[in-house]
Amino acid sequence: MKRLKLPRTLANTLLADLQSGVGEGLIGAIADVPVSVYPCPPAHFAAALALIRSRGETSFARYAHAAAPIADSVPTGTSYQILLAADIKGVILLRAFTRAEDGARWQELDIELDHD
């Protein structure tokens, strides 16, 4: 199974967003390294994408508190989906997906947290 490497600080930011009650948005990247979290509902993705681009970043992933990939709300050019959940002890559970080679379905990836 392929791996997706995420900075530990980014995973902590996703946990904070999940705990805040928003739990969805976009992740921006520089040189394919995820660096920023933009919490927002899908209705505000266009504004978030504009902000991501204005900061010299690219859209890396859509994240959401969901049980399965959400194919119809991933902005074009966004390679990954990250699904969030938290157990009763507040531990974040992350699942990552990328488009399969056929482009029609999502394939799950292992996640590796980087000690940044």
N, C-alpha and C. Protein backbone atom coordinates (compact mmCIF):
# COMPACT_ATOMS: atom_id res chain seq x y z
N MET A 1 0.85 -1.19 0.00
CA MET A 1 0.00 0.00 0.00
C MET A 1 0.89 1.24 0.00
N LYS A 2 0.52 2.23 -0.79
CA LYS A 2 1.27 3.47 -0.85
C LYS A 2 1.12 4.24 0.46
N ARG A 3 2.07 5.16 0.70
CA ARG A 3 2.07 5.96 1.91
C ARG A 3 1.87 7.44 1.59
N LEU A 4 1.25 8.12 2.54
CA LEU A 4 1.13 9.57 2.49
C LEU A 4 1.78 10.09 3.75
N LYS A 5 2.77 10.95 3.59
CA LYS A 5 3.49 11.49 4.73
C LYS A 5 2.89 12.84 5.11
N LEU A 6 2.51 12.97 6.38
CA LEU A 6 1.94 14.21 6.90
C LEU A 6 2.75 14.72 8.07
N PRO A 7 2.99 16.03 8.15
CA PRO A 7 3.66 16.59 9.33
C PRO A 7 2.78 16.39 10.57
N ARG A 8 3.38 16.05 11.68
CA ARG A 8 2.64 15.83 12.92
C ARG A 8 1.89 17.10 13.34
N THR A 9 2.49 18.28 13.13
CA THR A 9 1.80 19.52 13.50
C THR A 9 0.53 19.71 12.67
N LEU A 10 0.55 19.28 11.42
CA LEU A 10 -0.64 19.37 10.57
C LEU A 10 -1.72 18.42 11.10
N ALA A 11 -1.34 17.22 11.50
CA ALA A 11 -2.30 16.28 12.07
C ALA A 11 -2.91 16.85 13.35
N ASN A 12 -2.12 17.54 14.15
CA ASN A 12 -2.63 18.16 15.37
C ASN A 12 -3.61 19.29 15.04
N THR A 13 -3.33 20.04 13.98
CA THR A 13 -4.25 21.11 13.54
C THR A 13 -5.57 20.51 13.06
N LEU A 14 -5.50 19.38 12.36
CA LEU A 14 -6.73 18.70 11.93
C LEU A 14 -7.54 18.23 13.13
N LEU A 15 -6.87 17.72 14.15
CA LEU A 15 -7.56 17.29 15.38
C LEU A 15 -8.26 18.48 16.02
N ALA A 16 -7.56 19.60 16.12
CA ALA A 16 -8.17 20.80 16.72
C ALA A 16 -9.39 21.25 15.94
N ASP A 17 -9.31 21.19 14.61
CA ASP A 17 -10.45 21.58 13.79
C ASP A 17 -11.62 20.61 13.99
N LEU A 18 -11.32 19.34 14.06
CA LEU A 18 -12.36 18.34 14.31
C LEU A 18 -13.04 18.60 15.65
N GLN A 19 -12.24 18.89 16.67
CA GLN A 19 -12.78 19.14 18.01
C GLN A 19 -13.56 20.45 18.08
N SER A 20 -13.25 21.40 17.19
CA SER A 20 -13.96 22.68 17.18
C SER A 20 -15.38 22.56 16.64
N GLY A 21 -15.64 21.45 15.94
CA GLY A 21 -16.96 21.25 15.38
C GLY A 21 -17.04 21.51 13.89
N VAL A 22 -15.99 22.08 13.28
CA VAL A 22 -16.01 22.31 11.84
C VAL A 22 -15.67 20.99 11.15
N GLY A 23 -14.45 20.54 11.29
CA GLY A 23 -14.04 19.23 10.81
C GLY A 23 -14.06 19.01 9.31
N GLU A 24 -13.95 20.09 8.53
CA GLU A 24 -13.83 19.92 7.08
C GLU A 24 -13.19 21.15 6.48
N GLY A 25 -12.55 20.94 5.33
CA GLY A 25 -11.90 22.05 4.65
C GLY A 25 -10.87 21.54 3.67
N LEU A 26 -9.87 22.38 3.42
CA LEU A 26 -8.81 22.07 2.45
C LEU A 26 -7.45 22.17 3.12
N ILE A 27 -6.48 21.48 2.54
CA ILE A 27 -5.09 21.53 3.00
C ILE A 27 -4.26 22.06 1.84
N GLY A 28 -3.45 23.08 2.13
CA GLY A 28 -2.56 23.64 1.12
C GLY A 28 -1.17 23.05 1.25
N ALA A 29 -0.44 23.03 0.12
CA ALA A 29 0.91 22.46 0.11
C ALA A 29 1.86 23.36 -0.66
N ILE A 30 3.13 23.23 -0.31
CA ILE A 30 4.22 23.86 -1.05
C ILE A 30 5.15 22.73 -1.47
N ALA A 31 5.41 22.63 -2.76
CA ALA A 31 6.25 21.56 -3.32
C ALA A 31 5.76 20.18 -2.86
N ASP A 32 4.45 19.98 -2.92
CA ASP A 32 3.80 18.71 -2.55
C ASP A 32 3.98 18.31 -1.09
N VAL A 33 4.34 19.26 -0.24
CA VAL A 33 4.43 19.03 1.20
C VAL A 33 3.30 19.81 1.86
N PRO A 34 2.36 19.12 2.54
CA PRO A 34 1.24 19.83 3.15
C PRO A 34 1.72 20.74 4.27
N VAL A 35 1.23 22.00 4.23
CA VAL A 35 1.72 22.99 5.19
C VAL A 35 0.62 23.78 5.90
N SER A 36 -0.57 23.87 5.33
CA SER A 36 -1.61 24.74 5.88
C SER A 36 -2.97 24.07 5.86
N VAL A 37 -3.79 24.42 6.85
CA VAL A 37 -5.16 23.92 6.94
C VAL A 37 -6.11 25.10 6.80
N TYR A 38 -7.12 24.93 5.94
CA TYR A 38 -8.12 25.96 5.69
C TYR A 38 -9.50 25.41 6.01
N PRO A 39 -9.95 25.55 7.26
CA PRO A 39 -11.27 25.02 7.63
C PRO A 39 -12.38 25.79 6.90
N CYS A 40 -13.27 25.05 6.26
CA CYS A 40 -14.42 25.68 5.60
C CYS A 40 -15.33 24.59 5.04
N PRO A 41 -16.61 24.90 4.91
CA PRO A 41 -17.53 23.96 4.27
C PRO A 41 -17.33 23.99 2.76
N PRO A 42 -17.79 22.96 2.04
CA PRO A 42 -17.62 22.93 0.58
C PRO A 42 -18.15 24.17 -0.14
N ALA A 43 -19.16 24.81 0.39
CA ALA A 43 -19.71 26.00 -0.26
C ALA A 43 -18.69 27.14 -0.33
N HIS A 44 -17.65 27.09 0.51
CA HIS A 44 -16.63 28.15 0.54
C HIS A 44 -15.29 27.69 -0.05
N PHE A 45 -15.27 26.54 -0.74
CA PHE A 45 -14.03 26.04 -1.31
C PHE A 45 -13.42 27.00 -2.33
N ALA A 46 -14.23 27.68 -3.12
CA ALA A 46 -13.68 28.61 -4.13
C ALA A 46 -12.87 29.71 -3.45
N ALA A 47 -13.38 30.28 -2.38
CA ALA A 47 -12.65 31.32 -1.65
C ALA A 47 -11.40 30.76 -1.00
N ALA A 48 -11.50 29.55 -0.44
CA ALA A 48 -10.32 28.92 0.18
C ALA A 48 -9.26 28.62 -0.87
N LEU A 49 -9.67 28.14 -2.05
CA LEU A 49 -8.71 27.88 -3.13
C LEU A 49 -8.01 29.16 -3.58
N ALA A 50 -8.76 30.25 -3.65
CA ALA A 50 -8.15 31.54 -4.03
C ALA A 50 -7.12 31.96 -2.99
N LEU A 51 -7.42 31.78 -1.71
CA LEU A 51 -6.48 32.11 -0.64
C LEU A 51 -5.24 31.21 -0.71
N ILE A 52 -5.45 29.93 -0.94
CA ILE A 52 -4.34 28.98 -1.07
C ILE A 52 -3.40 29.43 -2.19
N ARG A 53 -3.96 29.74 -3.35
CA ARG A 53 -3.13 30.17 -4.49
C ARG A 53 -2.43 31.49 -4.22
N SER A 54 -3.12 32.42 -3.54
CA SER A 54 -2.51 33.73 -3.26
C SER A 54 -1.31 33.60 -2.33
N ARG A 55 -1.23 32.52 -1.58
CA ARG A 55 -0.10 32.28 -0.67
C ARG A 55 0.98 31.42 -1.32
N GLY A 56 0.84 31.16 -2.62
CA GLY A 56 1.84 30.38 -3.33
C GLY A 56 1.75 28.88 -3.06
N GLU A 57 0.61 28.44 -2.59
CA GLU A 57 0.40 27.02 -2.29
C GLU A 57 -0.47 26.39 -3.37
N THR A 58 -0.53 25.07 -3.34
CA THR A 58 -1.45 24.32 -4.20
C THR A 58 -2.42 23.56 -3.31
N SER A 59 -3.55 23.20 -3.86
CA SER A 59 -4.53 22.42 -3.12
C SER A 59 -4.04 20.98 -3.02
N PHE A 60 -3.79 20.51 -1.81
CA PHE A 60 -3.22 19.20 -1.56
C PHE A 60 -4.30 18.16 -1.26
N ALA A 61 -5.22 18.52 -0.36
CA ALA A 61 -6.23 17.55 0.07
C ALA A 61 -7.49 18.25 0.53
N ARG A 62 -8.58 17.53 0.40
CA ARG A 62 -9.85 17.90 1.03
C ARG A 62 -9.93 17.03 2.27
N TYR A 63 -10.29 17.60 3.41
CA TYR A 63 -10.47 16.78 4.61
C TYR A 63 -11.88 16.95 5.13
N ALA A 64 -12.37 15.90 5.77
CA ALA A 64 -13.73 15.94 6.29
C ALA A 64 -13.91 14.89 7.37
N HIS A 65 -14.87 15.17 8.23
CA HIS A 65 -15.31 14.20 9.23
C HIS A 65 -16.34 13.33 8.52
N ALA A 66 -15.87 12.22 7.95
CA ALA A 66 -16.74 11.36 7.14
C ALA A 66 -16.26 9.92 7.25
N ALA A 67 -17.15 9.00 6.93
CA ALA A 67 -16.83 7.58 7.01
C ALA A 67 -16.26 7.03 5.69
N ALA A 68 -16.54 7.71 4.58
CA ALA A 68 -16.08 7.24 3.27
C ALA A 68 -15.71 8.45 2.40
N PRO A 69 -14.86 8.26 1.41
CA PRO A 69 -14.50 9.38 0.52
C PRO A 69 -15.73 10.05 -0.09
N ILE A 70 -15.64 11.36 -0.24
CA ILE A 70 -16.73 12.17 -0.77
C ILE A 70 -16.31 12.65 -2.15
N ALA A 71 -16.65 11.89 -3.17
CA ALA A 71 -16.13 12.12 -4.52
C ALA A 71 -16.62 13.42 -5.15
N ASP A 72 -17.82 13.86 -4.86
CA ASP A 72 -18.37 15.00 -5.59
C ASP A 72 -17.99 16.36 -5.04
N SER A 73 -17.26 16.43 -3.93
CA SER A 73 -16.91 17.75 -3.39
C SER A 73 -15.41 17.94 -3.25
N VAL A 74 -14.64 17.27 -4.10
CA VAL A 74 -13.19 17.44 -4.10
C VAL A 74 -12.82 18.38 -5.24
N PRO A 75 -12.20 19.53 -4.93
CA PRO A 75 -11.85 20.47 -5.99
C PRO A 75 -10.92 19.82 -7.03
N THR A 76 -11.07 20.24 -8.28
CA THR A 76 -10.22 19.76 -9.36
C THR A 76 -8.76 20.04 -9.02
N GLY A 77 -7.90 19.07 -9.28
CA GLY A 77 -6.48 19.23 -9.01
C GLY A 77 -6.07 18.89 -7.60
N THR A 78 -7.02 18.47 -6.78
CA THR A 78 -6.74 18.08 -5.40
C THR A 78 -6.53 16.58 -5.39
N SER A 79 -5.33 16.16 -5.01
CA SER A 79 -4.94 14.75 -5.16
C SER A 79 -5.46 13.82 -4.07
N TYR A 80 -5.72 14.34 -2.89
CA TYR A 80 -6.02 13.46 -1.76
C TYR A 80 -7.30 13.86 -1.03
N GLN A 81 -7.82 12.89 -0.30
CA GLN A 81 -8.87 13.13 0.69
C GLN A 81 -8.36 12.56 2.00
N ILE A 82 -8.59 13.28 3.07
CA ILE A 82 -8.24 12.80 4.40
C ILE A 82 -9.52 12.80 5.23
N LEU A 83 -9.85 11.64 5.77
CA LEU A 83 -11.05 11.50 6.58
C LEU A 83 -10.65 11.50 8.04
N LEU A 84 -11.44 12.22 8.85
CA LEU A 84 -11.14 12.41 10.26
C LEU A 84 -12.20 11.76 11.13
N ALA A 85 -11.75 11.25 12.25
CA ALA A 85 -12.65 10.78 13.31
C ALA A 85 -11.87 10.89 14.61
N ALA A 86 -12.57 10.92 15.71
CA ALA A 86 -11.90 10.94 17.02
C ALA A 86 -12.57 9.90 17.89
N ASP A 87 -11.74 9.17 18.62
CA ASP A 87 -12.34 8.20 19.53
C ASP A 87 -12.72 8.91 20.83
N ILE A 88 -13.25 8.20 21.78
CA ILE A 88 -13.76 8.83 23.00
C ILE A 88 -12.65 9.41 23.87
N LYS A 89 -11.41 9.04 23.62
CA LYS A 89 -10.29 9.59 24.38
C LYS A 89 -9.69 10.81 23.69
N GLY A 90 -10.24 11.23 22.57
CA GLY A 90 -9.75 12.40 21.85
C GLY A 90 -8.61 12.10 20.90
N VAL A 91 -8.33 10.83 20.66
CA VAL A 91 -7.28 10.46 19.73
C VAL A 91 -7.82 10.59 18.31
N ILE A 92 -7.07 11.27 17.45
CA ILE A 92 -7.53 11.46 16.08
C ILE A 92 -7.27 10.19 15.26
N LEU A 93 -8.23 9.85 14.46
CA LEU A 93 -8.10 8.74 13.53
C LEU A 93 -8.10 9.33 12.13
N LEU A 94 -7.05 9.07 11.39
CA LEU A 94 -6.90 9.60 10.04
C LEU A 94 -6.91 8.48 9.02
N ARG A 95 -7.61 8.70 7.93
CA ARG A 95 -7.56 7.79 6.78
C ARG A 95 -7.32 8.66 5.56
N ALA A 96 -6.42 8.22 4.69
CA ALA A 96 -6.10 9.00 3.49
C ALA A 96 -6.45 8.19 2.25
N PHE A 97 -6.86 8.91 1.22
CA PHE A 97 -7.24 8.30 -0.05
C PHE A 97 -6.68 9.13 -1.20
N THR A 98 -6.37 8.46 -2.29
CA THR A 98 -5.99 9.13 -3.53
C THR A 98 -6.79 8.48 -4.65
N ARG A 99 -6.91 9.20 -5.75
CA ARG A 99 -7.65 8.63 -6.88
C ARG A 99 -6.89 7.42 -7.43
N ALA A 100 -7.61 6.36 -7.72
CA ALA A 100 -7.02 5.18 -8.33
C ALA A 100 -6.63 5.53 -9.77
N GLU A 101 -5.85 4.68 -10.39
CA GLU A 101 -5.38 4.94 -11.74
C GLU A 101 -6.52 5.13 -12.73
N ASP A 102 -7.66 4.49 -12.49
CA ASP A 102 -8.79 4.67 -13.40
C ASP A 102 -9.48 6.02 -13.21
N GLY A 103 -9.13 6.74 -12.13
CA GLY A 103 -9.68 8.07 -11.87
C GLY A 103 -11.10 8.08 -11.36
N ALA A 104 -11.74 6.94 -11.31
CA ALA A 104 -13.15 6.89 -10.92
C ALA A 104 -13.35 6.54 -9.45
N ARG A 105 -12.41 5.85 -8.87
CA ARG A 105 -12.60 5.44 -7.47
C ARG A 105 -11.43 5.92 -6.63
N TRP A 106 -11.59 5.82 -5.32
CA TRP A 106 -10.57 6.26 -4.38
C TRP A 106 -9.88 5.06 -3.75
N GLN A 107 -8.55 5.14 -3.65
CA GLN A 107 -7.74 4.06 -3.11
C GLN A 107 -7.15 4.51 -1.78
N GLU A 108 -7.26 3.68 -0.76
CA GLU A 108 -6.76 4.05 0.57
C GLU A 108 -5.23 3.96 0.62
N LEU A 109 -4.64 4.90 1.39
CA LEU A 109 -3.20 4.96 1.59
C LEU A 109 -2.87 4.79 3.07
N ASP A 110 -1.68 4.29 3.37
CA ASP A 110 -1.18 4.34 4.74
C ASP A 110 -0.74 5.76 5.01
N ILE A 111 -0.84 6.20 6.26
CA ILE A 111 -0.39 7.52 6.66
C ILE A 111 0.81 7.37 7.56
N GLU A 112 1.83 8.17 7.26
CA GLU A 112 3.03 8.23 8.10
C GLU A 112 3.13 9.64 8.64
N LEU A 113 3.22 9.78 9.98
CA LEU A 113 3.37 11.10 10.57
C LEU A 113 4.85 11.43 10.70
N ASP A 114 5.20 12.60 10.21
CA ASP A 114 6.57 13.07 10.23
C ASP A 114 6.79 13.88 11.50
N HIS A 115 7.90 13.68 12.15
CA HIS A 115 8.25 14.45 13.36
C HIS A 115 8.87 15.77 12.93
N ASP A 116 8.03 16.76 12.68
CA ASP A 116 8.53 18.05 12.20
C ASP A 116 8.84 19.01 13.32
